[in-house]
Amino acid sequence: MTGIFKKKYIINENFIQFNINDNTVKKVIDFYSEAPFPNYEKSDDKSSINFKGEKNYLSREFKKFIGFNKDVLEVGCGTGQLSLYFSIGTNNRVYALDPTLESINLGNKFSIKNKIENIKFVNADIFDDVFNDKTFDFIWTNGVLHHTKNPSLAFDLISNYLKKNGYILVGLYNKYGRLRTLFRRILYKFFGAFLIKLLDPTLRNIKKGNDQQIKAWIRDQYEHPVESLHTLDEVLNWFKKNNIEFINSIPTCGLDNEGNSNLFKKSSKGNFISRLYSQISMLFNYLGADGGLFIVIGKKID
């Protein structure tokens, strides 16, 4: 394990910990420390975490594609539920990185309690660049980089961790697809949570009485102190800069890609017009309704 880190660390309650000094990161840490996201339910165990992962199309297909005996990194794991899902039932070596100590603690305690031994939690800042280059076969960073001070630089750093032919999945708030949420955010400032609970599709689907989950979602979507918006073309430029081949995206880049249900099969990048159309279309489908997150998958070619 020590061979994958380029900086000194300490072992704290069975997880890896690095010193964090950045003020922007500390602002995000303070935000999530109050309400770790997503939180665990008292009844959660290996079966329930696996069930949640299997219900999500993206995580299910990603885990299936990973296979076995691989090195996997989740950047911005929060409480680690997704990383735990990637670990359960496999012999993959999963590393779950997040700067918020309270979140890491929850995931780490869950892994110990449920005897999930092929996962290691890492408390660190992305910009501290703690891993050695060419360490991981798969990297997942979904809904994270837009909460950093410099998403482009963060992507550059984590791209270096990919082995040749390794895959990366990045999810970001879209410049066009997030407009519905931004409008609801304005309403939230004036009218508070009551109106948002009626308008937000995700909140309407959360079971009544699950106040912690409701609070965490509202804070994450409507109160976050650090947030930026991005486009498909921007991420394609990140890929080109870091020798990453475009594989696929949600929404699709090309209008002729609608029939491609295999997320990890090479698809067309389309052109500026087709990509713009796909992103504007998010306003009128479930992607825009659910926060405006878009996904891009790439493969390291050098």
Foldseek 3Di string as FASTA:
>chain_A
DVQFWPDDFDQDLQATEDDDDDPLQVLQLVLCLVFFPPDDDPPDALVVLLVVQCVDPVLVLVLVVVAAQFEEEEAACGLPSSQSNSQPPHHYQYEYEDQHPNSPVNNSVRCVVRVRPRYHYYHDDLVVLTTAFQAGQEYEYAAPLQSDPDSLVSLLSVLRNHHAQGKYKYKAAAPQLQVVLVVVLVVCVVPNDPVVCVQQPVNVPDDPPVVSNNVVVCCSRRPRPGGDHDFPVVVVVSCVVSQWAWAAKVVGQAPVCVVPPNRRHRDDNHDPVSRVVRLNCSNVDPCSSNRRMMMTMITHND
